[in-house]
């Protein structure tokens, strides 16, 4: 079976150090070895966020599990919440809120656009009983960034919990929960943490702790938190993923989150500039650093031709199917990004686009040199 190079926004390609850990024989979770490893993972995660708080839990689930836990752990049935809906994952917040009996107010953002903090302020003024604001830092379906620190400041003005889906932002952005006024953050393993799917995380602030309720069973923050602070879990954990998370966090911290964000910014700008040189255009008004959404009426042709060459990028979803293709920058070595641009030039030429071979590669290389990545 031919190996594909993966440039999809989850799962991402696994670093060799992570693969080495995942290939080891499993250990039992009710042992001192696992307990010590898990406590180390918790310490490393605190360093990643630069937060001393122990208020976070890991679940054996996809990121959606942590999203559901956020709904069940910090809001009661009948609570009014503001949902910023600018894509497939904004829709997920809306559906979760509706399913669990909250009263969501929908702030619908055109796909590809970013939320306006002033509009958030207006809605909260009109709805002073609103208990929280739910949004994505990086809306993976459109490649758009929502301004998390600005939204966080507005939430604090109105004493509303700021609940951020950071599933494609953790491990990419240098997130500072206290500085950004974030109250709840959810993440998933198969994105910026460079792991397989199956592990999620939920962090919460002291401010959010005052709202903590216990409506969940499996996804109970209260039940898990008391266990996990001792190095254990309420239910069977994703043992191998937790052990691999230790390696992933070490890698991120060795590089430093400021440099990690700088690297993703360079890859994002380099990719977008290169493809604009080749006649394509970005879809998101304010692009996420995690994933670039590129508009083309022939996006499916481009995606399929790349796949023939052993390169997998993601397509669009719902109304964007056939209109965009998405390139992840998570888990991507800059040299592989350069290779992708070169292959895209070949594909575009094959499909009859008017491109000059080498122009995109030149632009990409120049951009990364400007960012001092090379």
Protein backbone atom coordinates (compact mmCIF):
# COMPACT_ATOMS: atom_id res chain seq x y z
CA UNK A 1 0.00 0.00 0.00
CA UNK A 2 1.42 3.36 -1.04
CA UNK A 3 2.03 5.82 1.79
CA UNK A 4 0.22 9.12 1.40
CA UNK A 5 1.58 12.43 2.60
CA UNK A 6 -1.20 13.88 4.74
CA UNK A 7 -1.94 17.60 4.73
CA UNK A 8 -5.40 17.28 6.25
CA UNK A 9 -6.53 19.24 9.34
CA UNK A 10 -6.88 16.10 11.44
CA UNK A 11 -5.62 13.54 11.59
CA UNK A 12 -2.18 14.95 10.90
CA UNK A 13 1.06 13.10 10.25
CA UNK A 14 2.71 11.72 13.38
CA UNK A 15 6.28 12.73 14.30
CA UNK A 16 8.79 9.92 14.65
CA UNK A 17 9.15 10.52 18.40
CA UNK A 18 5.40 10.06 18.87
CA UNK A 19 5.29 6.96 16.66
CA UNK A 20 8.09 5.39 18.68
CA UNK A 21 6.06 5.76 21.90
CA UNK A 22 2.89 4.44 20.27
CA UNK A 23 4.76 1.34 19.11
CA UNK A 24 5.68 0.24 22.63
CA UNK A 25 3.90 -2.52 24.54
CA UNK A 26 0.94 -1.14 26.51
CA UNK A 27 1.10 -0.80 30.29
CA UNK A 28 -1.73 -1.14 32.80
CA UNK A 29 -3.35 2.08 33.95
CA UNK A 30 -3.68 1.10 37.62
CA UNK A 31 0.08 1.12 38.15
CA UNK A 32 2.67 3.52 39.58
CA UNK A 33 4.27 3.71 36.12
CA UNK A 34 1.10 5.06 34.53
CA UNK A 35 0.31 7.30 37.50
CA UNK A 36 3.74 8.96 37.34
CA UNK A 37 3.55 9.37 33.57
CA UNK A 38 0.06 10.88 33.75
CA UNK A 39 1.07 13.32 36.48
CA UNK A 40 4.01 14.37 34.28
CA UNK A 41 1.62 14.95 31.35
CA UNK A 42 -0.49 17.17 33.60
CA UNK A 43 2.55 19.22 34.61
CA UNK A 44 3.63 19.60 30.99
CA UNK A 45 0.14 20.70 29.96
CA UNK A 46 0.20 23.41 32.63
CA UNK A 47 3.50 24.62 31.20
CA UNK A 48 2.03 24.65 27.69
CA UNK A 49 -0.72 27.05 28.80
CA UNK A 50 1.59 28.84 31.27
CA UNK A 51 -1.12 28.33 33.88
CA UNK A 52 -0.53 26.97 37.42
CA UNK A 53 -4.12 25.73 37.75
CA UNK A 54 -4.90 22.00 37.98
CA UNK A 55 -8.39 22.61 36.58
CA UNK A 56 -8.31 20.39 33.51
CA UNK A 57 -9.23 16.84 32.58
CA UNK A 58 -8.49 14.43 29.74
CA UNK A 59 -11.20 12.20 28.26
CA UNK A 60 -10.91 9.08 26.08
CA UNK A 61 -12.91 10.67 23.24
CA UNK A 62 -12.70 12.87 20.19
CA UNK A 63 -12.78 16.63 20.73
CA UNK A 64 -16.55 16.58 20.49
CA UNK A 65 -16.63 14.69 23.79
CA UNK A 66 -14.91 17.61 25.52
CA UNK A 67 -17.33 20.02 23.80
CA UNK A 68 -20.26 18.03 25.18
CA UNK A 69 -18.66 18.00 28.63
CA UNK A 70 -18.35 21.79 28.49
CA UNK A 71 -22.09 22.08 27.85
CA UNK A 72 -23.01 19.61 30.61
CA UNK A 73 -20.47 20.84 33.16
CA UNK A 74 -20.91 24.61 33.09
CA UNK A 75 -24.52 25.22 32.04
CA UNK A 76 -27.91 24.13 33.32
CA UNK A 77 -30.97 23.25 31.29
CA UNK A 78 -32.69 26.48 30.26
CA UNK A 79 -29.54 28.62 30.40
CA UNK A 80 -29.22 31.13 27.60
CA UNK A 81 -25.91 31.06 25.68
CA UNK A 82 -24.57 32.89 22.66
CA UNK A 83 -23.24 30.60 19.91
CA UNK A 84 -20.98 32.06 17.23
CA UNK A 85 -21.83 29.94 14.20
CA UNK A 86 -19.43 30.47 11.30
CA UNK A 87 -18.98 26.93 10.01
CA UNK A 88 -19.50 23.21 10.61
CA UNK A 89 -18.01 23.35 14.10
CA UNK A 90 -19.93 26.44 15.11
CA UNK A 91 -22.98 24.41 14.08
CA UNK A 92 -21.79 21.68 16.43
CA UNK A 93 -21.88 24.05 19.40
CA UNK A 94 -25.40 25.01 18.36
CA UNK A 95 -26.58 21.40 18.08
CA UNK A 96 -25.02 20.42 21.41
CA UNK A 97 -26.63 23.39 23.16
CA UNK A 98 -30.02 22.57 21.66
CA UNK A 99 -29.70 18.85 22.44
CA UNK A 100 -29.00 19.46 26.13
CA UNK A 101 -31.79 21.95 26.66
CA UNK A 102 -29.93 25.25 26.62
CA UNK A 103 -31.45 28.29 24.93
CA UNK A 104 -28.88 29.28 22.30
CA UNK A 105 -28.85 32.68 20.62
CA UNK A 106 -27.23 32.20 17.22
CA UNK A 107 -24.80 34.81 15.93
CA UNK A 108 -24.53 33.62 12.35
CA UNK A 109 -21.27 34.55 10.69
CA UNK A 110 -20.88 34.18 6.92
CA UNK A 111 -18.63 31.19 6.19
CA UNK A 112 -15.08 32.44 5.69
CA UNK A 113 -15.64 35.57 7.78
CA UNK A 114 -14.52 36.16 11.38
CA UNK A 115 -16.75 37.08 14.30
CA UNK A 116 -16.96 40.77 15.17
CA UNK A 117 -16.38 41.35 18.92
CA UNK A 118 -18.54 44.49 18.73
CA UNK A 119 -21.46 42.39 17.51
CA UNK A 120 -20.85 40.01 20.41
CA UNK A 121 -21.00 43.01 22.75
CA UNK A 122 -24.28 44.20 21.19
CA UNK A 123 -25.90 40.76 21.57
CA UNK A 124 -24.80 40.44 25.20
CA UNK A 125 -26.18 43.93 25.93
CA UNK A 126 -29.51 42.82 24.46
CA UNK A 127 -29.39 39.57 26.48
CA UNK A 128 -27.91 40.37 29.91
CA UNK A 129 -29.00 36.97 31.27
CA UNK A 130 -26.71 35.18 28.79
CA UNK A 131 -24.51 32.74 30.71
CA UNK A 132 -21.80 32.12 28.13
CA UNK A 133 -20.37 32.57 24.65
CA UNK A 134 -19.38 29.47 22.64
CA UNK A 135 -17.09 29.77 19.63
CA UNK A 136 -14.11 28.35 17.72
CA UNK A 137 -10.66 29.93 17.88
CA UNK A 138 -9.94 28.29 14.52
CA UNK A 139 -13.00 27.29 12.45
CA UNK A 140 -11.48 24.29 10.70
CA UNK A 141 -14.22 23.97 8.07
CA UNK A 142 -13.58 27.43 6.60
CA UNK A 143 -10.00 28.16 7.62
CA UNK A 144 -11.16 31.29 9.50
CA UNK A 145 -9.81 32.69 12.76
CA UNK A 146 -12.14 34.17 15.37
CA UNK A 147 -10.43 36.84 17.55
CA UNK A 148 -10.35 34.94 20.84
CA UNK A 149 -8.65 37.57 23.08
CA UNK A 150 -11.10 40.29 21.96
CA UNK A 151 -14.11 37.99 22.43
CA UNK A 152 -12.74 37.04 25.84
CA UNK A 153 -12.58 40.68 26.93
CA UNK A 154 -16.18 41.24 25.89
CA UNK A 155 -17.30 38.13 27.80
CA UNK A 156 -15.59 39.40 30.95
CA UNK A 157 -17.45 42.73 30.67
CA UNK A 158 -20.76 40.87 30.89
CA UNK A 159 -19.67 38.12 33.29
CA UNK A 160 -20.42 35.50 30.61
CA UNK A 161 -18.28 32.37 30.42
CA UNK A 162 -15.97 32.44 27.41
CA UNK A 163 -15.99 28.87 26.02
CA UNK A 164 -13.44 28.27 23.26
CA UNK A 165 -13.18 25.25 20.97
CA UNK A 166 -9.41 25.26 20.50
CA UNK A 167 -9.26 21.86 18.86
CA UNK A 168 -7.21 23.21 15.94
CA UNK A 169 -5.62 25.99 18.00
CA UNK A 170 -3.94 24.18 20.91
CA UNK A 171 -0.43 23.25 19.86
CA UNK A 172 -0.50 25.98 17.19
CA UNK A 173 -1.26 29.29 18.90
CA UNK A 174 0.53 30.48 22.02
CA UNK A 175 -2.74 30.49 23.96
CA UNK A 176 -2.70 32.37 27.26
CA UNK A 177 -6.03 31.66 28.97
CA UNK A 178 -5.71 34.33 31.68
CA UNK A 179 -4.52 37.04 29.29
CA UNK A 180 -7.20 36.12 26.75
CA UNK A 181 -9.93 35.87 29.42
CA UNK A 182 -10.85 32.34 28.36
CA UNK A 183 -12.91 30.35 30.85
CA UNK A 184 -13.24 26.96 29.16
CA UNK A 185 -10.92 25.52 26.50
CA UNK A 186 -11.43 22.21 24.71
CA UNK A 187 -8.86 20.38 22.60
CA UNK A 188 -8.36 17.16 20.67
CA UNK A 189 -5.35 14.93 20.14
CA UNK A 190 -5.29 14.54 16.35
CA UNK A 191 -4.57 18.19 15.50
CA UNK A 192 -1.81 20.41 16.93
CA UNK A 193 -0.87 17.76 19.50
CA UNK A 194 0.28 15.52 16.61
CA UNK A 195 -1.35 12.34 17.93
CA UNK A 196 -3.93 9.87 16.62
CA UNK A 197 -7.60 10.63 17.40
CA UNK A 198 -9.09 9.48 20.69
CA UNK A 199 -7.95 11.87 23.43
CA UNK A 200 -9.59 15.18 24.34
CA UNK A 201 -8.88 17.78 27.00
CA UNK A 202 -10.99 20.35 28.83
CA UNK A 203 -9.39 23.22 30.80
CA UNK A 204 -11.38 25.70 32.89
CA UNK A 205 -10.67 28.88 34.87
CA UNK A 206 -11.36 29.67 38.51
CA UNK A 207 -14.16 31.90 37.26
CA UNK A 208 -15.74 28.94 35.44
CA UNK A 209 -15.27 26.71 38.47
CA UNK A 210 -17.98 28.72 40.26
CA UNK A 211 -20.45 27.56 37.59
CA UNK A 212 -19.42 23.91 37.68
CA UNK A 213 -22.40 21.54 37.74
CA UNK A 214 -22.55 17.76 37.50
CA UNK A 215 -25.04 16.82 34.78
CA UNK A 216 -22.76 14.36 32.95
CA UNK A 217 -21.91 10.74 33.67
CA UNK A 218 -18.98 9.65 31.50
CA UNK A 219 -18.04 13.26 30.70
CA UNK A 220 -18.25 14.44 34.31
CA UNK A 221 -15.55 17.03 35.00
CA UNK A 222 -16.11 16.74 38.76
CA UNK A 223 -15.68 12.96 38.80
CA UNK A 224 -12.61 12.99 36.56
CA UNK A 225 -10.89 15.96 38.16
CA UNK A 226 -10.59 14.43 41.61
CA UNK A 227 -9.15 11.23 40.12
CA UNK A 228 -6.82 12.86 37.61
CA UNK A 229 -5.19 15.13 40.17
CA UNK A 230 -4.03 11.87 41.78
CA UNK A 231 -2.68 10.46 38.50
CA UNK A 232 -5.63 8.20 37.76
CA UNK A 233 -8.90 8.36 35.80
CA UNK A 234 -12.50 7.53 36.65
CA UNK A 235 -12.82 5.24 33.62
CA UNK A 236 -10.32 3.35 31.46
CA UNK A 237 -8.04 5.99 29.90
CA UNK A 238 -6.54 6.13 26.42
CA UNK A 239 -3.28 4.80 27.86
CA UNK A 240 -1.08 4.85 24.77
CA UNK A 241 -2.30 8.31 23.74
CA UNK A 242 -1.59 9.72 27.19
CA UNK A 243 1.95 8.31 27.07
CA UNK A 244 2.40 9.74 23.56
CA UNK A 245 0.97 13.08 24.73
CA UNK A 246 3.94 13.32 27.09
CA UNK A 247 6.29 13.12 24.10
CA UNK A 248 4.20 15.58 22.07
CA UNK A 249 4.12 18.14 24.88
CA UNK A 250 7.87 17.77 25.39
CA UNK A 251 8.43 18.48 21.69
CA UNK A 252 6.22 21.59 21.75
CA UNK A 253 7.87 22.91 24.91
CA UNK A 254 11.38 22.22 23.60
CA UNK A 255 10.60 24.41 20.60
CA UNK A 256 8.68 26.93 22.72
CA UNK A 257 5.12 28.00 21.97
CA UNK A 258 6.16 31.43 20.67
CA UNK A 259 8.32 29.71 18.04
CA UNK A 260 5.62 27.11 17.35
CA UNK A 261 3.14 29.89 16.57
CA UNK A 262 5.73 31.74 14.49
CA UNK A 263 6.38 28.57 12.45
CA UNK A 264 2.68 28.04 11.76
CA UNK A 265 2.29 31.70 10.79
CA UNK A 266 5.13 31.34 8.28
CA UNK A 267 3.64 28.16 6.79
CA UNK A 268 0.20 29.77 6.55
CA UNK A 269 1.43 32.97 4.92
CA UNK A 270 3.85 31.12 2.66
CA UNK A 271 1.17 28.75 1.39
CA UNK A 272 -1.42 31.46 0.79
CA UNK A 273 1.03 33.81 -0.95
CA UNK A 274 2.35 30.99 -3.11
CA UNK A 275 -1.13 29.93 -4.26
CA UNK A 276 -2.14 33.53 -4.90
CA UNK A 277 0.94 33.76 -7.14
CA UNK A 278 -0.48 30.76 -9.01
CA UNK A 279 -3.86 32.45 -9.52
CA UNK A 280 -5.83 30.90 -6.67
CA UNK A 281 -7.15 32.80 -3.64
CA UNK A 282 -7.66 32.31 0.07
CA UNK A 283 -11.21 31.70 1.23
CA UNK A 284 -11.04 33.00 4.80
CA UNK A 285 -10.92 36.74 5.33
CA UNK A 286 -8.66 36.33 8.39
CA UNK A 287 -6.99 32.94 7.94
CA UNK A 288 -6.31 30.55 10.77
CA UNK A 289 -2.67 29.60 11.27
CA UNK A 290 -3.72 25.95 11.50
CA UNK A 291 -5.29 25.41 8.09
CA UNK A 292 -5.50 27.31 4.79
CA UNK A 293 -8.77 27.13 2.88
CA UNK A 294 -8.19 27.81 -0.82
CA UNK A 295 -11.04 28.75 -3.16
CA UNK A 296 -11.34 27.27 -6.64
CA UNK A 297 -14.32 26.11 -8.68
CA UNK A 298 -12.09 23.17 -9.62
CA UNK A 299 -11.04 22.33 -6.08
CA UNK A 300 -12.21 18.71 -6.34
CA UNK A 301 -10.18 18.22 -9.53
CA UNK A 302 -7.15 19.66 -7.77
CA UNK A 303 -7.68 17.47 -4.73
CA UNK A 304 -8.11 14.30 -6.82
CA UNK A 305 -5.03 15.01 -8.93
CA UNK A 306 -2.95 15.55 -5.79
CA UNK A 307 -4.23 12.24 -4.46
CA UNK A 308 -2.97 10.49 -7.59
CA UNK A 309 0.46 11.80 -6.62
CA UNK A 310 0.11 10.43 -3.08
CA UNK A 311 -0.78 13.76 -1.43
CA UNK A 312 -4.00 14.11 0.56
CA UNK A 313 -5.57 17.49 1.30
CA UNK A 314 -9.11 18.04 2.60
CA UNK A 315 -12.12 19.15 0.59
CA UNK A 316 -14.91 21.53 1.51
CA UNK A 317 -18.01 20.62 3.49
CA UNK A 318 -21.72 21.26 2.84
CA UNK A 319 -22.13 24.36 0.63
CA UNK A 320 -18.34 24.57 0.25
CA UNK A 321 -18.01 21.07 -1.22
CA UNK A 322 -16.31 21.48 -4.58
CA UNK A 323 -15.53 25.14 -3.86
CA UNK A 324 -12.51 24.94 -1.55
CA UNK A 325 -9.72 22.61 -0.61
CA UNK A 326 -7.99 22.81 2.76
CA UNK A 327 -4.30 22.46 3.56
CA UNK A 328 -3.24 21.80 7.15
CA UNK A 329 -0.09 23.31 8.60
CA UNK A 330 -0.25 21.14 11.74
CA UNK A 331 2.45 18.50 11.83
CA UNK A 332 3.93 19.84 8.58
CA UNK A 333 7.66 20.24 8.17
CA UNK A 334 8.43 23.43 6.16
CA UNK A 335 10.31 21.30 3.61
CA UNK A 336 7.19 19.18 3.07
CA UNK A 337 5.20 22.38 2.62
CA UNK A 338 7.62 23.37 -0.14
CA UNK A 339 7.14 19.98 -1.79
CA UNK A 340 3.36 20.44 -1.66
CA UNK A 341 3.56 23.79 -3.44
CA UNK A 342 5.74 22.25 -6.14
CA UNK A 343 3.26 19.39 -6.63
CA UNK A 344 0.38 21.86 -6.75
CA UNK A 345 2.15 23.68 -9.57
CA UNK A 346 2.38 20.41 -11.50
CA UNK A 347 -1.29 19.59 -10.85
CA UNK A 348 -2.48 23.05 -11.90
CA UNK A 349 -0.40 22.84 -15.07
CA UNK A 350 -1.90 19.41 -15.87
CA UNK A 351 -5.41 20.79 -15.36
CA UNK A 352 -4.80 23.62 -17.81
CA UNK A 353 -4.30 26.49 -15.39
CA UNK A 354 -2.04 29.27 -16.63
CA UNK A 355 0.85 28.90 -14.21
CA UNK A 356 4.59 29.40 -14.44
CA UNK A 357 6.37 26.46 -12.85
CA UNK A 358 8.57 27.57 -9.99
CA UNK A 359 6.75 30.81 -9.20
CA UNK A 360 4.81 29.40 -6.27
CA UNK A 361 7.87 27.62 -4.90
CA UNK A 362 9.83 30.87 -5.13
CA UNK A 363 7.15 32.84 -3.26
CA UNK A 364 6.82 30.17 -0.56
CA UNK A 365 10.61 30.06 -0.03
CA UNK A 366 10.89 33.84 0.10
CA UNK A 367 8.10 34.06 2.68
CA UNK A 368 9.67 31.48 4.97
CA UNK A 369 13.04 33.25 4.68
CA UNK A 370 11.34 36.53 5.62
CA UNK A 371 10.01 34.79 8.74
CA UNK A 372 13.52 33.43 9.41
CA UNK A 373 12.30 29.83 9.31
CA UNK A 374 15.11 29.08 6.84
